Amino acid sequence: MLLAARPYAPVLMTVNPDTARYFAESVEYLYRLGFRYLICSLNYAAAWQEDELATLAGEYRKLAAFYYRLTLAEEKFYLSPFEVKISSHINHRTYCRERCELGMKQLSVAPDGRLYPCVQFVGDDNYALGDVYAGVNEKKREQLYRQNEKEKETCRECAVRSAATISAAA
């Protein structure tokens, strides 16, 4: 019913260490159901082990073959792990700024109705932006967004940042 009403409704998938072995199979299944806009994210907070990362690498190889087949067939679809990487190479310098809008374009809703700027922060009181009953605390949302614009220490050595900077300088 959803796809009949909204043919390009997105589906969001979070890949955990214990579900990584089903990643490619799950994407292909959702595609067969009719979903054409697939947003896939890793659970970065999980404690990934070497064997799970090896499994994940194998799943990405399967997804690459799937992506290649659909691209050659000129099928209309969006598979975020690949589209985002392609965008990073095309958009160079602006890519990092486009990656996260932290609560400005979408919100995550917890089961209790509390609102968060991202699924990664659900349950963390420091990031709660209000709830579905009282609405969004716009001042806090703007504050988090401005804070997000500042480069983080951990991002300084990022390969994406470095590649974008090098490409932009060339």
N, C-alpha and C. Protein backbone atom coordinates (compact mmCIF):
# COMPACT_ATOMS: atom_id res chain seq x y z
N MET A 1 0.83 -1.20 0.00
CA MET A 1 0.00 0.00 0.00
C MET A 1 0.87 1.26 0.00
N LEU A 2 1.96 1.22 0.76
CA LEU A 2 2.86 2.37 0.81
C LEU A 2 3.41 2.68 -0.57
N LEU A 3 3.93 1.67 -1.25
CA LEU A 3 4.53 1.89 -2.56
C LEU A 3 3.50 2.28 -3.61
N ALA A 4 2.26 1.83 -3.44
CA ALA A 4 1.21 2.24 -4.38
C ALA A 4 0.94 3.74 -4.23
N ALA A 5 0.99 4.24 -3.01
CA ALA A 5 0.74 5.65 -2.75
C ALA A 5 1.98 6.51 -2.98
N ARG A 6 3.13 5.96 -2.65
CA ARG A 6 4.40 6.69 -2.77
C ARG A 6 5.45 5.76 -3.38
N PRO A 7 5.50 5.67 -4.70
CA PRO A 7 6.39 4.72 -5.37
C PRO A 7 7.87 4.88 -5.01
N TYR A 8 8.28 6.07 -4.63
CA TYR A 8 9.70 6.30 -4.29
C TYR A 8 9.88 6.55 -2.80
N ALA A 9 9.03 5.94 -2.00
CA ALA A 9 9.19 6.03 -0.54
C ALA A 9 10.53 5.41 -0.18
N PRO A 10 11.30 6.08 0.66
CA PRO A 10 12.59 5.52 1.05
C PRO A 10 12.44 4.45 2.13
N VAL A 11 13.37 3.54 2.13
CA VAL A 11 13.46 2.55 3.20
C VAL A 11 14.83 2.75 3.85
N LEU A 12 14.84 2.75 5.17
CA LEU A 12 16.08 2.92 5.92
C LEU A 12 16.48 1.60 6.55
N MET A 13 17.76 1.28 6.45
CA MET A 13 18.27 0.04 6.99
C MET A 13 19.52 0.34 7.80
N THR A 14 19.58 -0.20 9.01
CA THR A 14 20.79 -0.10 9.82
C THR A 14 21.42 -1.47 9.89
N VAL A 15 22.69 -1.54 9.56
CA VAL A 15 23.42 -2.80 9.55
C VAL A 15 24.21 -2.92 10.85
N ASN A 16 23.94 -3.98 11.57
CA ASN A 16 24.63 -4.28 12.83
C ASN A 16 25.61 -5.42 12.59
N PRO A 17 26.56 -5.60 13.50
CA PRO A 17 27.49 -6.72 13.33
C PRO A 17 26.78 -8.07 13.18
N ASP A 18 25.72 -8.29 13.94
CA ASP A 18 25.03 -9.58 13.88
C ASP A 18 24.10 -9.72 12.67
N THR A 19 23.89 -8.64 11.93
CA THR A 19 23.03 -8.73 10.73
C THR A 19 23.81 -8.47 9.44
N ALA A 20 25.09 -8.19 9.55
CA ALA A 20 25.90 -7.84 8.38
C ALA A 20 25.85 -8.93 7.31
N ARG A 21 25.77 -10.18 7.72
CA ARG A 21 25.78 -11.29 6.75
C ARG A 21 24.54 -11.28 5.86
N TYR A 22 23.51 -10.53 6.23
CA TYR A 22 22.28 -10.45 5.45
C TYR A 22 22.15 -9.15 4.65
N PHE A 23 23.17 -8.32 4.68
CA PHE A 23 23.10 -6.99 4.10
C PHE A 23 22.69 -7.02 2.62
N ALA A 24 23.47 -7.69 1.79
CA ALA A 24 23.17 -7.72 0.35
C ALA A 24 21.83 -8.40 0.07
N GLU A 25 21.59 -9.50 0.74
CA GLU A 25 20.33 -10.22 0.56
C GLU A 25 19.14 -9.33 0.93
N SER A 26 19.28 -8.56 1.99
CA SER A 26 18.19 -7.68 2.44
C SER A 26 17.94 -6.55 1.45
N VAL A 27 19.01 -5.98 0.92
CA VAL A 27 18.87 -4.91 -0.08
C VAL A 27 18.16 -5.46 -1.32
N GLU A 28 18.59 -6.62 -1.78
CA GLU A 28 17.97 -7.21 -2.97
C GLU A 28 16.50 -7.56 -2.71
N TYR A 29 16.20 -8.03 -1.53
CA TYR A 29 14.81 -8.35 -1.16
C TYR A 29 13.95 -7.09 -1.18
N LEU A 30 14.44 -6.02 -0.57
CA LEU A 30 13.67 -4.76 -0.56
C LEU A 30 13.48 -4.23 -1.97
N TYR A 31 14.49 -4.39 -2.81
CA TYR A 31 14.37 -3.97 -4.19
C TYR A 31 13.30 -4.79 -4.91
N ARG A 32 13.29 -6.09 -4.68
CA ARG A 32 12.27 -6.95 -5.31
C ARG A 32 10.87 -6.59 -4.82
N LEU A 33 10.75 -6.11 -3.59
CA LEU A 33 9.45 -5.67 -3.09
C LEU A 33 8.97 -4.40 -3.80
N GLY A 34 9.92 -3.66 -4.40
CA GLY A 34 9.55 -2.46 -5.13
C GLY A 34 10.19 -1.19 -4.61
N PHE A 35 10.97 -1.27 -3.54
CA PHE A 35 11.64 -0.07 -3.03
C PHE A 35 12.77 0.30 -3.96
N ARG A 36 12.85 1.59 -4.29
CA ARG A 36 13.88 2.07 -5.21
C ARG A 36 14.79 3.11 -4.56
N TYR A 37 14.51 3.46 -3.33
CA TYR A 37 15.31 4.46 -2.62
C TYR A 37 15.75 3.80 -1.31
N LEU A 38 16.97 3.25 -1.31
CA LEU A 38 17.47 2.46 -0.18
C LEU A 38 18.58 3.21 0.55
N ILE A 39 18.31 3.55 1.78
CA ILE A 39 19.28 4.26 2.61
C ILE A 39 19.81 3.27 3.63
N CYS A 40 21.08 2.96 3.51
CA CYS A 40 21.70 1.94 4.36
C CYS A 40 22.80 2.58 5.19
N SER A 41 22.77 2.33 6.48
CA SER A 41 23.75 2.91 7.38
C SER A 41 24.30 1.83 8.29
N LEU A 42 25.56 1.97 8.63
CA LEU A 42 26.16 1.06 9.59
C LEU A 42 25.88 1.55 11.00
N ASN A 43 25.79 0.64 11.93
CA ASN A 43 25.68 1.00 13.34
C ASN A 43 27.11 1.29 13.81
N TYR A 44 27.48 2.57 13.77
CA TYR A 44 28.83 2.97 14.11
C TYR A 44 29.12 2.84 15.60
N ALA A 45 28.09 2.77 16.41
CA ALA A 45 28.28 2.65 17.85
C ALA A 45 28.55 1.20 18.27
N ALA A 46 28.34 0.26 17.38
CA ALA A 46 28.53 -1.16 17.71
C ALA A 46 30.03 -1.49 17.78
N ALA A 47 30.32 -2.54 18.52
CA ALA A 47 31.70 -3.02 18.64
C ALA A 47 31.96 -4.06 17.54
N TRP A 48 32.32 -3.59 16.36
CA TRP A 48 32.57 -4.46 15.22
C TRP A 48 33.87 -5.24 15.43
N GLN A 49 33.82 -6.54 15.21
CA GLN A 49 34.99 -7.41 15.31
C GLN A 49 35.57 -7.63 13.91
N GLU A 50 36.82 -8.07 13.84
CA GLU A 50 37.49 -8.27 12.55
C GLU A 50 36.70 -9.21 11.62
N ASP A 51 36.17 -10.30 12.16
CA ASP A 51 35.44 -11.25 11.31
C ASP A 51 34.15 -10.63 10.79
N GLU A 52 33.52 -9.78 11.58
CA GLU A 52 32.29 -9.11 11.14
C GLU A 52 32.59 -8.08 10.06
N LEU A 53 33.74 -7.41 10.19
CA LEU A 53 34.15 -6.45 9.16
C LEU A 53 34.50 -7.18 7.86
N ALA A 54 35.08 -8.36 7.98
CA ALA A 54 35.38 -9.16 6.78
C ALA A 54 34.07 -9.59 6.10
N THR A 55 33.09 -9.97 6.90
CA THR A 55 31.78 -10.33 6.35
C THR A 55 31.16 -9.12 5.66
N LEU A 56 31.25 -7.97 6.30
CA LEU A 56 30.71 -6.74 5.72
C LEU A 56 31.38 -6.42 4.39
N ALA A 57 32.68 -6.61 4.31
CA ALA A 57 33.40 -6.36 3.05
C ALA A 57 32.87 -7.27 1.94
N GLY A 58 32.62 -8.53 2.28
CA GLY A 58 32.05 -9.45 1.30
C GLY A 58 30.66 -9.03 0.85
N GLU A 59 29.88 -8.53 1.78
CA GLU A 59 28.54 -8.05 1.44
C GLU A 59 28.60 -6.83 0.54
N TYR A 60 29.57 -5.95 0.77
CA TYR A 60 29.73 -4.80 -0.12
C TYR A 60 30.12 -5.24 -1.53
N ARG A 61 30.92 -6.29 -1.64
CA ARG A 61 31.26 -6.81 -2.98
C ARG A 61 30.00 -7.32 -3.68
N LYS A 62 29.14 -8.03 -2.96
CA LYS A 62 27.87 -8.51 -3.54
C LYS A 62 27.00 -7.33 -3.95
N LEU A 63 26.94 -6.31 -3.09
CA LEU A 63 26.14 -5.12 -3.42
C LEU A 63 26.71 -4.39 -4.63
N ALA A 64 28.02 -4.37 -4.76
CA ALA A 64 28.64 -3.72 -5.93
C ALA A 64 28.20 -4.42 -7.21
N ALA A 65 28.16 -5.74 -7.20
CA ALA A 65 27.72 -6.48 -8.38
C ALA A 65 26.25 -6.20 -8.67
N PHE A 66 25.43 -6.15 -7.64
CA PHE A 66 24.01 -5.84 -7.78
C PHE A 66 23.83 -4.43 -8.36
N TYR A 67 24.55 -3.47 -7.79
CA TYR A 67 24.51 -2.08 -8.24
C TYR A 67 24.93 -1.99 -9.71
N TYR A 68 25.97 -2.69 -10.07
CA TYR A 68 26.47 -2.69 -11.44
C TYR A 68 25.42 -3.24 -12.40
N ARG A 69 24.81 -4.37 -12.04
CA ARG A 69 23.78 -4.98 -12.89
C ARG A 69 22.61 -4.02 -13.11
N LEU A 70 22.14 -3.40 -12.03
CA LEU A 70 21.00 -2.49 -12.17
C LEU A 70 21.36 -1.24 -12.97
N THR A 71 22.58 -0.76 -12.79
CA THR A 71 23.03 0.42 -13.54
C THR A 71 23.10 0.10 -15.03
N LEU A 72 23.65 -1.05 -15.37
CA LEU A 72 23.71 -1.44 -16.78
C LEU A 72 22.31 -1.60 -17.37
N ALA A 73 21.37 -2.06 -16.56
CA ALA A 73 19.99 -2.25 -17.03
C ALA A 73 19.20 -0.93 -17.02
N GLU A 74 19.87 0.16 -16.62
CA GLU A 74 19.26 1.50 -16.54
C GLU A 74 18.02 1.52 -15.65
N GLU A 75 18.08 0.75 -14.56
CA GLU A 75 17.00 0.74 -13.56
C GLU A 75 17.11 1.98 -12.70
N LYS A 76 15.98 2.58 -12.41
CA LYS A 76 15.97 3.77 -11.55
C LYS A 76 15.97 3.29 -10.10
N PHE A 77 17.03 3.65 -9.38
CA PHE A 77 17.15 3.29 -7.97
C PHE A 77 18.24 4.14 -7.32
N TYR A 78 18.24 4.15 -6.02
CA TYR A 78 19.23 4.88 -5.23
C TYR A 78 19.68 3.95 -4.12
N LEU A 79 20.96 3.66 -4.06
CA LEU A 79 21.54 2.82 -3.02
C LEU A 79 22.60 3.66 -2.32
N SER A 80 22.25 4.17 -1.14
CA SER A 80 23.07 5.18 -0.48
C SER A 80 24.54 4.85 -0.32
N PRO A 81 24.95 3.63 0.04
CA PRO A 81 26.39 3.42 0.23
C PRO A 81 27.21 3.76 -1.01
N PHE A 82 26.65 3.57 -2.19
CA PHE A 82 27.38 3.85 -3.42
C PHE A 82 27.12 5.28 -3.91
N GLU A 83 25.88 5.71 -3.83
CA GLU A 83 25.54 7.05 -4.30
C GLU A 83 26.28 8.13 -3.50
N VAL A 84 26.41 7.92 -2.20
CA VAL A 84 27.09 8.89 -1.34
C VAL A 84 28.56 8.98 -1.72
N LYS A 85 29.17 7.83 -1.99
CA LYS A 85 30.59 7.84 -2.38
C LYS A 85 30.78 8.51 -3.74
N ILE A 86 29.89 8.25 -4.67
CA ILE A 86 29.97 8.90 -5.97
C ILE A 86 29.83 10.41 -5.80
N SER A 87 28.88 10.82 -4.97
CA SER A 87 28.68 12.24 -4.71
C SER A 87 29.92 12.88 -4.09
N SER A 88 30.59 12.16 -3.21
CA SER A 88 31.79 12.71 -2.57
C SER A 88 32.88 13.00 -3.59
N HIS A 89 32.95 12.21 -4.64
CA HIS A 89 33.97 12.43 -5.67
C HIS A 89 33.56 13.52 -6.65
N ILE A 90 32.27 13.68 -6.85
CA ILE A 90 31.78 14.71 -7.77
C ILE A 90 31.79 16.08 -7.10
N ASN A 91 31.36 16.16 -5.86
CA ASN A 91 31.16 17.44 -5.18
C ASN A 91 32.35 17.93 -4.38
N HIS A 92 33.38 17.15 -4.28
CA HIS A 92 34.64 17.51 -3.62
C HIS A 92 34.45 18.30 -2.33
N ARG A 93 34.75 19.57 -2.39
CA ARG A 93 34.83 20.42 -1.21
C ARG A 93 33.52 20.53 -0.45
N THR A 94 32.40 20.52 -1.13
CA THR A 94 31.11 20.69 -0.45
C THR A 94 30.56 19.40 0.13
N TYR A 95 31.16 18.28 -0.20
CA TYR A 95 30.62 16.99 0.22
C TYR A 95 30.47 16.87 1.74
N CYS A 96 31.50 17.19 2.48
CA CYS A 96 31.44 17.02 3.94
C CYS A 96 30.34 17.88 4.55
N ARG A 97 30.10 19.05 4.01
CA ARG A 97 29.05 19.92 4.54
C ARG A 97 27.66 19.36 4.25
N GLU A 98 27.52 18.62 3.17
CA GLU A 98 26.22 18.08 2.79
C GLU A 98 25.86 16.79 3.50
N ARG A 99 26.81 16.19 4.16
CA ARG A 99 26.59 14.87 4.72
C ARG A 99 25.60 14.86 5.87
N CYS A 100 25.62 15.83 6.75
CA CYS A 100 24.78 15.78 7.94
C CYS A 100 24.13 17.14 8.18
N GLU A 101 22.84 17.13 8.28
CA GLU A 101 22.11 18.36 8.55
C GLU A 101 21.65 18.41 10.01
N LEU A 102 22.01 17.44 10.80
CA LEU A 102 21.74 17.32 12.23
C LEU A 102 20.46 18.02 12.68
N GLY A 103 19.35 17.41 12.35
CA GLY A 103 18.07 17.88 12.83
C GLY A 103 17.41 18.98 12.02
N MET A 104 18.07 19.44 10.98
CA MET A 104 17.48 20.53 10.20
C MET A 104 16.55 20.01 9.10
N LYS A 105 16.81 18.86 8.54
CA LYS A 105 15.97 18.34 7.46
C LYS A 105 15.10 17.17 7.90
N GLN A 106 15.51 16.47 8.93
CA GLN A 106 14.70 15.36 9.42
C GLN A 106 14.96 15.16 10.90
N LEU A 107 14.02 14.55 11.55
CA LEU A 107 14.13 14.25 12.97
C LEU A 107 13.88 12.76 13.17
N SER A 108 14.42 12.25 14.26
CA SER A 108 14.15 10.87 14.64
C SER A 108 13.25 10.90 15.87
N VAL A 109 12.27 10.02 15.87
CA VAL A 109 11.30 9.98 16.96
C VAL A 109 11.52 8.69 17.75
N ALA A 110 11.73 8.83 19.05
CA ALA A 110 11.90 7.68 19.93
C ALA A 110 10.53 7.08 20.24
N PRO A 111 10.49 5.84 20.69
CA PRO A 111 9.20 5.22 21.01
C PRO A 111 8.38 6.01 22.03
N ASP A 112 9.06 6.77 22.90
CA ASP A 112 8.33 7.56 23.91
C ASP A 112 7.88 8.92 23.38
N GLY A 113 8.17 9.23 22.10
CA GLY A 113 7.73 10.48 21.50
C GLY A 113 8.76 11.59 21.54
N ARG A 114 9.90 11.35 22.16
CA ARG A 114 10.94 12.38 22.19
C ARG A 114 11.58 12.52 20.82
N LEU A 115 11.99 13.73 20.48
CA LEU A 115 12.57 14.06 19.18
C LEU A 115 14.08 14.23 19.29
N TYR A 116 14.79 13.72 18.30
CA TYR A 116 16.25 13.79 18.26
C TYR A 116 16.69 14.22 16.87
N PRO A 117 17.88 14.83 16.75
CA PRO A 117 18.34 15.30 15.45
C PRO A 117 18.82 14.19 14.53
N CYS A 118 19.01 12.98 15.08
CA CYS A 118 19.55 11.87 14.29
C CYS A 118 19.27 10.57 15.03
N VAL A 119 19.10 9.50 14.29
CA VAL A 119 18.87 8.20 14.89
C VAL A 119 20.03 7.79 15.80
N GLN A 120 21.23 8.28 15.49
CA GLN A 120 22.41 7.95 16.30
C GLN A 120 22.29 8.47 17.74
N PHE A 121 21.43 9.46 17.98
CA PHE A 121 21.36 10.08 19.30
C PHE A 121 20.10 9.74 20.09
N VAL A 122 19.24 8.89 19.53
CA VAL A 122 18.00 8.54 20.23
C VAL A 122 18.35 7.95 21.59
N GLY A 123 17.74 8.51 22.62
CA GLY A 123 17.98 8.06 23.98
C GLY A 123 19.01 8.88 24.73
N ASP A 124 19.78 9.72 24.05
CA ASP A 124 20.78 10.57 24.69
C ASP A 124 20.13 11.91 25.02
N ASP A 125 19.90 12.16 26.32
CA ASP A 125 19.21 13.38 26.75
C ASP A 125 19.89 14.66 26.27
N ASN A 126 21.20 14.62 26.05
CA ASN A 126 21.91 15.81 25.58
C ASN A 126 21.47 16.25 24.19
N TYR A 127 20.86 15.34 23.45
CA TYR A 127 20.46 15.65 22.08
C TYR A 127 18.94 15.72 21.88
N ALA A 128 18.18 15.54 22.94
CA ALA A 128 16.72 15.62 22.83
C ALA A 128 16.32 17.04 22.43
N LEU A 129 15.46 17.13 21.42
CA LEU A 129 15.04 18.43 20.89
C LEU A 129 13.58 18.76 21.20
N GLY A 130 12.96 17.98 22.04
CA GLY A 130 11.55 18.17 22.36
C GLY A 130 10.83 16.85 22.24
N ASP A 131 9.53 16.94 22.01
CA ASP A 131 8.75 15.72 21.83
C ASP A 131 7.57 16.00 20.91
N VAL A 132 6.87 14.94 20.53
CA VAL A 132 5.77 15.09 19.58
C VAL A 132 4.59 15.85 20.17
N TYR A 133 4.56 16.02 21.48
CA TYR A 133 3.45 16.71 22.13
C TYR A 133 3.70 18.21 22.22
N ALA A 134 4.92 18.60 22.61
CA ALA A 134 5.23 20.02 22.79
C ALA A 134 5.93 20.62 21.57
N GLY A 135 6.46 19.77 20.70
CA GLY A 135 7.13 20.27 19.51
C GLY A 135 8.63 20.36 19.67
N VAL A 136 9.27 21.03 18.72
CA VAL A 136 10.72 21.12 18.66
C VAL A 136 11.21 22.39 19.36
N ASN A 137 12.26 22.25 20.15
CA ASN A 137 12.94 23.38 20.74
C ASN A 137 13.87 23.93 19.66
N GLU A 138 13.40 24.95 18.95
CA GLU A 138 14.14 25.48 17.80
C GLU A 138 15.49 26.06 18.20
N LYS A 139 15.57 26.65 19.36
CA LYS A 139 16.84 27.23 19.82
C LYS A 139 17.89 26.11 19.99
N LYS A 140 17.49 25.00 20.60
CA LYS A 140 18.42 23.89 20.80
C LYS A 140 18.78 23.25 19.46
N ARG A 141 17.82 23.14 18.57
CA ARG A 141 18.10 22.55 17.25
C ARG A 141 19.11 23.42 16.50
N GLU A 142 18.94 24.70 16.51
CA GLU A 142 19.87 25.62 15.84
C GLU A 142 21.25 25.54 16.49
N GLN A 143 21.29 25.45 17.81
CA GLN A 143 22.56 25.34 18.54
C GLN A 143 23.31 24.06 18.14
N LEU A 144 22.61 22.94 18.07
CA LEU A 144 23.24 21.69 17.66
C LEU A 144 23.73 21.75 16.22
N TYR A 145 22.95 22.39 15.38
CA TYR A 145 23.33 22.51 13.97
C TYR A 145 24.61 23.33 13.84
N ARG A 146 24.69 24.44 14.54
CA ARG A 146 25.89 25.29 14.50
C ARG A 146 27.09 24.54 15.06
N GLN A 147 26.88 23.80 16.13
CA GLN A 147 27.94 23.00 16.73
C GLN A 147 28.43 21.95 15.73
N ASN A 148 27.53 21.39 14.97
CA ASN A 148 27.86 20.36 13.99
C ASN A 148 28.70 20.92 12.84
N GLU A 149 28.57 22.21 12.55
CA GLU A 149 29.33 22.81 11.45
C GLU A 149 30.82 22.88 11.75
N LYS A 150 31.18 22.90 13.03
CA LYS A 150 32.59 22.99 13.42
C LYS A 150 33.27 21.66 13.15
N GLU A 151 34.47 21.74 12.62
CA GLU A 151 35.20 20.51 12.35
C GLU A 151 35.59 19.84 13.66
N LYS A 152 35.36 18.54 13.71
CA LYS A 152 35.71 17.77 14.90
C LYS A 152 37.15 17.30 14.80
N GLU A 153 37.77 17.15 15.93
CA GLU A 153 39.16 16.68 15.99
C GLU A 153 39.32 15.35 15.24
N THR A 154 38.37 14.44 15.43
CA THR A 154 38.45 13.13 14.80
C THR A 154 38.29 13.19 13.28
N CYS A 155 37.80 14.30 12.75
CA CYS A 155 37.59 14.43 11.30
C CYS A 155 38.83 14.95 10.57
N ARG A 156 39.78 15.47 11.30
CA ARG A 156 40.93 16.11 10.66
C ARG A 156 41.75 15.15 9.79
N GLU A 157 41.78 13.88 10.14
CA GLU A 157 42.55 12.90 9.38
C GLU A 157 41.66 12.05 8.47
N CYS A 158 40.41 12.44 8.30
CA CYS A 158 39.46 11.66 7.50
C CYS A 158 39.90 11.55 6.05
N ALA A 159 39.84 10.34 5.50
CA ALA A 159 40.21 10.12 4.10
C ALA A 159 39.29 10.88 3.15
N VAL A 160 38.01 10.98 3.47
CA VAL A 160 37.07 11.71 2.62
C VAL A 160 37.43 13.18 2.62
N ARG A 161 37.71 13.73 3.80
CA ARG A 161 38.07 15.14 3.90
C ARG A 161 39.37 15.39 3.13
N SER A 162 40.35 14.52 3.33
CA SER A 162 41.64 14.69 2.67
C SER A 162 41.50 14.59 1.16
N ALA A 163 40.75 13.61 0.69
CA ALA A 163 40.56 13.43 -0.76
C ALA A 163 39.84 14.63 -1.36
N ALA A 164 38.84 15.15 -0.63
CA ALA A 164 38.09 16.30 -1.12
C ALA A 164 38.99 17.52 -1.18
N THR A 165 39.82 17.70 -0.16
CA THR A 165 40.72 18.85 -0.12
C THR A 165 41.76 18.75 -1.23
N ILE A 166 42.32 17.57 -1.42
CA ILE A 166 43.32 17.35 -2.47
C ILE A 166 42.71 17.57 -3.85
N SER A 167 41.53 17.00 -4.09
CA SER A 167 40.86 17.15 -5.39
C SER A 167 40.51 18.60 -5.67
N ALA A 168 40.04 19.30 -4.64
CA ALA A 168 39.64 20.70 -4.82
C ALA A 168 40.86 21.57 -5.12
N ALA A 169 42.00 21.23 -4.54
CA ALA A 169 43.20 22.02 -4.74
C ALA A 169 43.81 21.78 -6.13
N ALA A 170 43.53 20.62 -6.70
CA ALA A 170 44.14 20.27 -8.00
C ALA A 170 43.58 21.06 -9.15
